[in-house]
């Protein structure tokens, strides 16, 4: 994690506390983004720490109020009816990089709450005593497929390159179960290009 005047240790401390607050509110959260990439063998620089949740957008303000009780600056970005996400909460704390809570439920219009639920089922603790859980490799690929774009495709190919024992048939079946099979095949085809 990078940023002027921020430390990785303080960012992790704040993210852990955010995870505890979400857990106290019975909201499951999983680590996604660059931190999850690093856990799965592909470290790259980032300016934030991303957590995924799947709640109704109306719950974001309640979550934000609980986070503000920590003395942090908290901003809620609510979705419109066509948003592929269910909103984002930005948490800023002194000495820490931005912690973003990305909501994948924008019911009834959109979002992908099933992806967040599936990710929680297979997530593992970030560290032995951590309140945070990190997504599995398969779920991380699915999040990247949902995000789309060149950067996400590159991240997927790097992940697979750094995890050569990945069972591609099982990954295909997992992505197909989430209706992301065609997107995965398009990314895998990029690896075949000269």
C-alpha atoms as a PDB file:
ATOM      1  CA  UNK A   1       0.000   0.000   0.000  1.00  0.00           C
ATOM      2  CA  UNK A   2       1.273   3.412  -0.852  1.00  0.00           C
ATOM      3  CA  UNK A   3       0.302   6.899   0.044  1.00  0.00           C
ATOM      4  CA  UNK A   4       1.788  10.009   1.532  1.00  0.00           C
ATOM      5  CA  UNK A   5       1.961   9.743   5.295  1.00  0.00           C
ATOM      6  CA  UNK A   6       0.414   6.279   5.457  1.00  0.00           C
ATOM      7  CA  UNK A   7       1.763   3.011   6.764  1.00  0.00           C
ATOM      8  CA  UNK A   8       0.829  -0.534   5.855  1.00  0.00           C
ATOM      9  CA  UNK A   9       0.659  -1.484   9.550  1.00  0.00           C
ATOM     10  CA  UNK A  10      -1.804   1.300  10.376  1.00  0.00           C
ATOM     11  CA  UNK A  11      -3.880   0.522   7.288  1.00  0.00           C
ATOM     12  CA  UNK A  12      -4.105  -3.115   8.325  1.00  0.00           C
ATOM     13  CA  UNK A  13      -5.046  -2.084  11.885  1.00  0.00           C
ATOM     14  CA  UNK A  14      -7.854   0.126  10.589  1.00  0.00           C
ATOM     15  CA  UNK A  15      -9.047  -2.553   8.144  1.00  0.00           C
ATOM     16  CA  UNK A  16      -9.088  -5.113  10.975  1.00  0.00           C
ATOM     17  CA  UNK A  17     -11.175  -2.745  13.111  1.00  0.00           C
ATOM     18  CA  UNK A  18     -13.557  -2.154  10.190  1.00  0.00           C
ATOM     19  CA  UNK A  19     -13.893  -5.933   9.867  1.00  0.00           C
ATOM     20  CA  UNK A  20     -14.692  -6.232  13.585  1.00  0.00           C
ATOM     21  CA  UNK A  21     -17.356  -3.519  13.340  1.00  0.00           C
ATOM     22  CA  UNK A  22     -18.955  -5.215  10.333  1.00  0.00           C
ATOM     23  CA  UNK A  23     -18.865  -8.578  12.119  1.00  0.00           C
ATOM     24  CA  UNK A  24     -20.501  -7.022  15.189  1.00  0.00           C
ATOM     25  CA  UNK A  25     -23.308  -5.879  12.873  1.00  0.00           C
ATOM     26  CA  UNK A  26     -23.564  -9.428  11.488  1.00  0.00           C
ATOM     27  CA  UNK A  27     -22.212  -8.394   8.097  1.00  0.00           C
ATOM     28  CA  UNK A  28     -19.760 -10.726   6.436  1.00  0.00           C
ATOM     29  CA  UNK A  29     -16.874  -9.042   4.661  1.00  0.00           C
ATOM     30  CA  UNK A  30     -14.017 -10.437   2.611  1.00  0.00           C
ATOM     31  CA  UNK A  31     -10.726  -8.920   1.505  1.00  0.00           C
ATOM     32  CA  UNK A  32     -10.569  -8.335  -2.245  1.00  0.00           C
ATOM     33  CA  UNK A  33      -8.412  -6.144  -4.471  1.00  0.00           C
ATOM     34  CA  UNK A  34      -4.643  -5.810  -4.291  1.00  0.00           C
ATOM     35  CA  UNK A  35      -4.353  -7.297  -0.792  1.00  0.00           C
ATOM     36  CA  UNK A  36      -6.100 -10.473  -1.980  1.00  0.00           C
ATOM     37  CA  UNK A  37      -3.890 -10.529  -5.074  1.00  0.00           C
ATOM     38  CA  UNK A  38      -0.821 -10.408  -2.817  1.00  0.00           C
ATOM     39  CA  UNK A  39      -2.127 -13.236  -0.624  1.00  0.00           C
ATOM     40  CA  UNK A  40      -2.479 -15.325  -3.788  1.00  0.00           C
ATOM     41  CA  UNK A  41       1.074 -14.635  -4.955  1.00  0.00           C
ATOM     42  CA  UNK A  42       0.719 -11.496  -7.056  1.00  0.00           C
ATOM     43  CA  UNK A  43       1.789  -8.450  -5.039  1.00  0.00           C
ATOM     44  CA  UNK A  44       1.299  -5.062  -6.647  1.00  0.00           C
ATOM     45  CA  UNK A  45       1.130  -1.502  -5.394  1.00  0.00           C
ATOM     46  CA  UNK A  46      -2.193  -0.107  -4.279  1.00  0.00           C
ATOM     47  CA  UNK A  47      -3.539   3.028  -2.665  1.00  0.00           C
ATOM     48  CA  UNK A  48      -6.396   1.381  -0.794  1.00  0.00           C
ATOM     49  CA  UNK A  49      -7.553  -1.708   1.082  1.00  0.00           C
ATOM     50  CA  UNK A  50     -10.749  -3.222  -0.332  1.00  0.00           C
ATOM     51  CA  UNK A  51     -13.434  -5.194   1.469  1.00  0.00           C
ATOM     52  CA  UNK A  52     -16.483  -6.709  -0.228  1.00  0.00           C
ATOM     53  CA  UNK A  53     -19.907  -7.008   1.383  1.00  0.00           C
ATOM     54  CA  UNK A  54     -23.389  -7.854   0.140  1.00  0.00           C
ATOM     55  CA  UNK A  55     -26.061  -5.823   1.955  1.00  0.00           C
ATOM     56  CA  UNK A  56     -29.073  -3.824   0.834  1.00  0.00           C
ATOM     57  CA  UNK A  57     -27.930  -0.290  -0.069  1.00  0.00           C
ATOM     58  CA  UNK A  58     -30.204   1.161   2.622  1.00  0.00           C
ATOM     59  CA  UNK A  59     -27.925  -0.375   5.261  1.00  0.00           C
ATOM     60  CA  UNK A  60     -24.869   1.650   4.194  1.00  0.00           C
ATOM     61  CA  UNK A  61     -25.742   4.696   6.312  1.00  0.00           C
ATOM     62  CA  UNK A  62     -26.114   2.539   9.437  1.00  0.00           C
ATOM     63  CA  UNK A  63     -22.716   0.977   8.764  1.00  0.00           C
ATOM     64  CA  UNK A  64     -21.191   4.414   8.179  1.00  0.00           C
ATOM     65  CA  UNK A  65     -22.511   5.702  11.525  1.00  0.00           C
ATOM     66  CA  UNK A  66     -20.877   2.792  13.366  1.00  0.00           C
ATOM     67  CA  UNK A  67     -17.594   3.527  11.593  1.00  0.00           C
ATOM     68  CA  UNK A  68     -17.795   7.247  12.413  1.00  0.00           C
ATOM     69  CA  UNK A  69     -17.928   6.328  16.107  1.00  0.00           C
ATOM     70  CA  UNK A  70     -14.243   5.398  15.720  1.00  0.00           C
ATOM     71  CA  UNK A  71     -13.483   9.031  14.878  1.00  0.00           C
ATOM     72  CA  UNK A  72     -12.775   8.292  11.235  1.00  0.00           C
ATOM     73  CA  UNK A  73     -13.862  10.283   8.209  1.00  0.00           C
ATOM     74  CA  UNK A  74     -16.498   8.165   6.475  1.00  0.00           C
ATOM     75  CA  UNK A  75     -18.164   8.904   3.152  1.00  0.00           C
ATOM     76  CA  UNK A  76     -20.998   6.889   1.619  1.00  0.00           C
ATOM     77  CA  UNK A  77     -21.433   6.711  -2.155  1.00  0.00           C
ATOM     78  CA  UNK A  78     -24.965   5.420  -2.755  1.00  0.00           C
ATOM     79  CA  UNK A  79     -25.826   3.689  -6.011  1.00  0.00           C
ATOM     80  CA  UNK A  80     -28.391   4.658  -8.575  1.00  0.00           C
ATOM     81  CA  UNK A  81     -30.772   2.056 -10.001  1.00  0.00           C
ATOM     82  CA  UNK A  82     -28.406   1.139 -12.856  1.00  0.00           C
ATOM     83  CA  UNK A  83     -25.213   0.868 -10.799  1.00  0.00           C
ATOM     84  CA  UNK A  84     -23.480  -2.539 -11.056  1.00  0.00           C
ATOM     85  CA  UNK A  85     -22.451  -2.079  -7.430  1.00  0.00           C
ATOM     86  CA  UNK A  86     -24.587  -1.417  -4.379  1.00  0.00           C
ATOM     87  CA  UNK A  87     -22.554   1.541  -3.199  1.00  0.00           C
ATOM     88  CA  UNK A  88     -19.175   2.160  -1.607  1.00  0.00           C
ATOM     89  CA  UNK A  89     -18.112   3.368   1.825  1.00  0.00           C
ATOM     90  CA  UNK A  90     -14.769   5.206   2.029  1.00  0.00           C
ATOM     91  CA  UNK A  91     -13.062   5.107   5.417  1.00  0.00           C
ATOM     92  CA  UNK A  92     -10.188   7.509   6.043  1.00  0.00           C
ATOM     93  CA  UNK A  93      -8.135   7.331   9.227  1.00  0.00           C
ATOM     94  CA  UNK A  94      -4.942   9.192  10.156  1.00  0.00           C
ATOM     95  CA  UNK A  95      -1.825   7.329   9.040  1.00  0.00           C
ATOM     96  CA  UNK A  96      -3.783   4.730   7.049  1.00  0.00           C
ATOM     97  CA  UNK A  97      -4.476   4.319   3.374  1.00  0.00           C
ATOM     98  CA  UNK A  98      -8.090   4.472   2.230  1.00  0.00           C
ATOM     99  CA  UNK A  99     -10.188   1.492   3.333  1.00  0.00           C
ATOM    100  CA  UNK A 100     -13.050   0.920   0.905  1.00  0.00           C
ATOM    101  CA  UNK A 101     -16.091  -1.213   1.615  1.00  0.00           C
ATOM    102  CA  UNK A 102     -17.536  -2.213  -1.745  1.00  0.00           C
ATOM    103  CA  UNK A 103     -21.141  -3.385  -1.642  1.00  0.00           C
ATOM    104  CA  UNK A 104     -22.160  -5.928  -4.272  1.00  0.00           C
ATOM    105  CA  UNK A 105     -25.926  -5.828  -3.626  1.00  0.00           C
ATOM    106  CA  UNK A 106     -28.012  -3.230  -5.461  1.00  0.00           C
ATOM    107  CA  UNK A 107     -31.316  -5.086  -5.152  1.00  0.00           C
ATOM    108  CA  UNK A 108     -33.664  -5.150  -6.803  1.00  0.00           C
ATOM    109  CA  UNK A 109     -31.993  -3.418  -9.773  1.00  0.00           C
ATOM    110  CA  UNK A 110     -28.575  -5.009  -9.915  1.00  0.00           C
ATOM    111  CA  UNK A 111     -25.314  -5.804  -8.269  1.00  0.00           C
ATOM    112  CA  UNK A 112     -24.010  -9.296  -7.650  1.00  0.00           C
ATOM    113  CA  UNK A 113     -24.867 -10.245  -4.049  1.00  0.00           C
ATOM    114  CA  UNK A 114     -24.412 -13.939  -4.825  1.00  0.00           C
ATOM    115  CA  UNK A 115     -20.739 -13.322  -5.624  1.00  0.00           C
ATOM    116  CA  UNK A 116     -20.193 -11.739  -2.204  1.00  0.00           C
ATOM    117  CA  UNK A 117     -22.039 -14.605  -0.482  1.00  0.00           C
ATOM    118  CA  UNK A 118     -20.074 -17.276  -2.383  1.00  0.00           C
ATOM    119  CA  UNK A 119     -16.816 -15.493  -1.570  1.00  0.00           C
ATOM    120  CA  UNK A 120     -17.619 -15.521   2.149  1.00  0.00           C
ATOM    121  CA  UNK A 121     -18.203 -19.281   2.094  1.00  0.00           C
ATOM    122  CA  UNK A 122     -14.697 -20.110   0.868  1.00  0.00           C
ATOM    123  CA  UNK A 123     -12.757 -17.232   2.476  1.00  0.00           C
ATOM    124  CA  UNK A 124      -9.932 -17.952   4.907  1.00  0.00           C
ATOM    125  CA  UNK A 125      -8.491 -15.768   7.691  1.00  0.00           C
ATOM    126  CA  UNK A 126      -6.007 -13.170   6.472  1.00  0.00           C
ATOM    127  CA  UNK A 127      -3.759 -14.075   9.420  1.00  0.00           C
ATOM    128  CA  UNK A 128      -4.146 -16.474  12.387  1.00  0.00           C
ATOM    129  CA  UNK A 129      -5.694 -13.888  14.744  1.00  0.00           C
ATOM    130  CA  UNK A 130      -7.345 -11.754  12.075  1.00  0.00           C
ATOM    131  CA  UNK A 131     -10.988 -10.666  12.004  1.00  0.00           C
ATOM    132  CA  UNK A 132     -10.575 -10.342   8.248  1.00  0.00           C
ATOM    133  CA  UNK A 133     -11.015 -13.126   5.726  1.00  0.00           C
ATOM    134  CA  UNK A 134      -9.516 -13.148   2.245  1.00  0.00           C
ATOM    135  CA  UNK A 135     -11.276 -14.512  -0.811  1.00  0.00           C
ATOM    136  CA  UNK A 136     -10.233 -17.788  -2.397  1.00  0.00           C
ATOM    137  CA  UNK A 137      -8.360 -17.707  -5.688  1.00  0.00           C
ATOM    138  CA  UNK A 138     -11.512 -18.771  -7.566  1.00  0.00           C
ATOM    139  CA  UNK A 139     -13.613 -16.041  -5.942  1.00  0.00           C
ATOM    140  CA  UNK A 140     -10.913 -13.452  -6.624  1.00  0.00           C
ATOM    141  CA  UNK A 141     -10.947 -14.409 -10.309  1.00  0.00           C
ATOM    142  CA  UNK A 142     -14.743 -14.076 -10.290  1.00  0.00           C
ATOM    143  CA  UNK A 143     -14.568 -10.594  -8.728  1.00  0.00           C
ATOM    144  CA  UNK A 144     -12.051  -9.578 -11.393  1.00  0.00           C
ATOM    145  CA  UNK A 145     -14.266 -10.982 -14.146  1.00  0.00           C
ATOM    146  CA  UNK A 146     -17.223  -9.031 -12.770  1.00  0.00           C
ATOM    147  CA  UNK A 147     -15.148  -5.835 -12.659  1.00  0.00           C
ATOM    148  CA  UNK A 148     -14.084  -6.383 -16.260  1.00  0.00           C
ATOM    149  CA  UNK A 149     -11.571  -4.360 -18.219  1.00  0.00           C
ATOM    150  CA  UNK A 150      -7.970  -4.763 -19.300  1.00  0.00           C
ATOM    151  CA  UNK A 151      -6.451  -4.361 -15.821  1.00  0.00           C
ATOM    152  CA  UNK A 152      -8.684  -7.071 -14.355  1.00  0.00           C
ATOM    153  CA  UNK A 153      -7.875  -9.431 -17.251  1.00  0.00           C
ATOM    154  CA  UNK A 154      -4.164  -8.809 -16.670  1.00  0.00           C
ATOM    155  CA  UNK A 155      -4.586  -9.503 -12.939  1.00  0.00           C
ATOM    156  CA  UNK A 156      -6.326 -12.813 -13.687  1.00  0.00           C
ATOM    157  CA  UNK A 157      -3.605 -13.944 -16.077  1.00  0.00           C
ATOM    158  CA  UNK A 158      -0.914 -12.992 -13.554  1.00  0.00           C
ATOM    159  CA  UNK A 159      -2.741 -14.883 -10.799  1.00  0.00           C
ATOM    160  CA  UNK A 160      -2.984 -18.007 -12.941  1.00  0.00           C
ATOM    161  CA  UNK A 161       0.645 -17.697 -14.006  1.00  0.00           C
ATOM    162  CA  UNK A 162       1.749 -17.469 -10.360  1.00  0.00           C
ATOM    163  CA  UNK A 163      -0.529 -20.334  -9.324  1.00  0.00           C
ATOM    164  CA  UNK A 164       0.304 -22.955 -11.985  1.00  0.00           C
ATOM    165  CA  UNK A 165      -1.351 -25.798 -10.061  1.00  0.00           C
ATOM    166  CA  UNK A 166      -4.779 -24.142 -10.405  1.00  0.00           C
ATOM    167  CA  UNK A 167      -7.350 -26.636 -11.665  1.00  0.00           C
ATOM    168  CA  UNK A 168      -8.642 -24.774 -14.719  1.00  0.00           C
ATOM    169  CA  UNK A 169     -11.567 -27.150 -15.190  1.00  0.00           C
ATOM    170  CA  UNK A 170     -12.708 -26.505 -11.617  1.00  0.00           C
ATOM    171  CA  UNK A 171     -12.225 -22.751 -12.121  1.00  0.00           C
ATOM    172  CA  UNK A 172     -14.286 -22.933 -15.303  1.00  0.00           C
ATOM    173  CA  UNK A 173     -17.072 -24.801 -13.477  1.00  0.00           C
ATOM    174  CA  UNK A 174     -17.034 -22.279 -10.626  1.00  0.00           C
ATOM    175  CA  UNK A 175     -17.204 -19.297 -12.989  1.00  0.00           C
ATOM    176  CA  UNK A 176     -19.903 -21.014 -15.054  1.00  0.00           C
ATOM    177  CA  UNK A 177     -21.976 -21.472 -11.876  1.00  0.00           C
ATOM    178  CA  UNK A 178     -21.832 -17.682 -11.438  1.00  0.00           C
ATOM    179  CA  UNK A 179     -22.632 -17.065 -15.121  1.00  0.00           C
ATOM    180  CA  UNK A 180     -19.126 -15.734 -15.680  1.00  0.00           C
ATOM    181  CA  UNK A 181     -17.926 -18.606 -17.871  1.00  0.00           C
ATOM    182  CA  UNK A 182     -17.833 -16.661 -21.140  1.00  0.00           C
ATOM    183  CA  UNK A 183     -15.896 -13.825 -19.512  1.00  0.00           C
ATOM    184  CA  UNK A 184     -13.327 -16.309 -18.185  1.00  0.00           C
ATOM    185  CA  UNK A 185     -12.881 -17.915 -21.604  1.00  0.00           C
ATOM    186  CA  UNK A 186     -12.268 -14.487 -23.181  1.00  0.00           C
ATOM    187  CA  UNK A 187      -9.544 -13.799 -20.612  1.00  0.00           C
ATOM    188  CA  UNK A 188      -7.979 -17.233 -21.059  1.00  0.00           C
ATOM    189  CA  UNK A 189      -7.938 -16.680 -24.828  1.00  0.00           C
ATOM    190  CA  UNK A 190      -5.771 -13.593 -24.245  1.00  0.00           C
ATOM    191  CA  UNK A 191      -3.039 -15.864 -22.854  1.00  0.00           C
ATOM    192  CA  UNK A 192      -2.965 -17.754 -26.163  1.00  0.00           C
ATOM    193  CA  UNK A 193      -2.326 -14.633 -28.224  1.00  0.00           C
ATOM    194  CA  UNK A 194       1.276 -13.971 -29.315  1.00  0.00           C
END
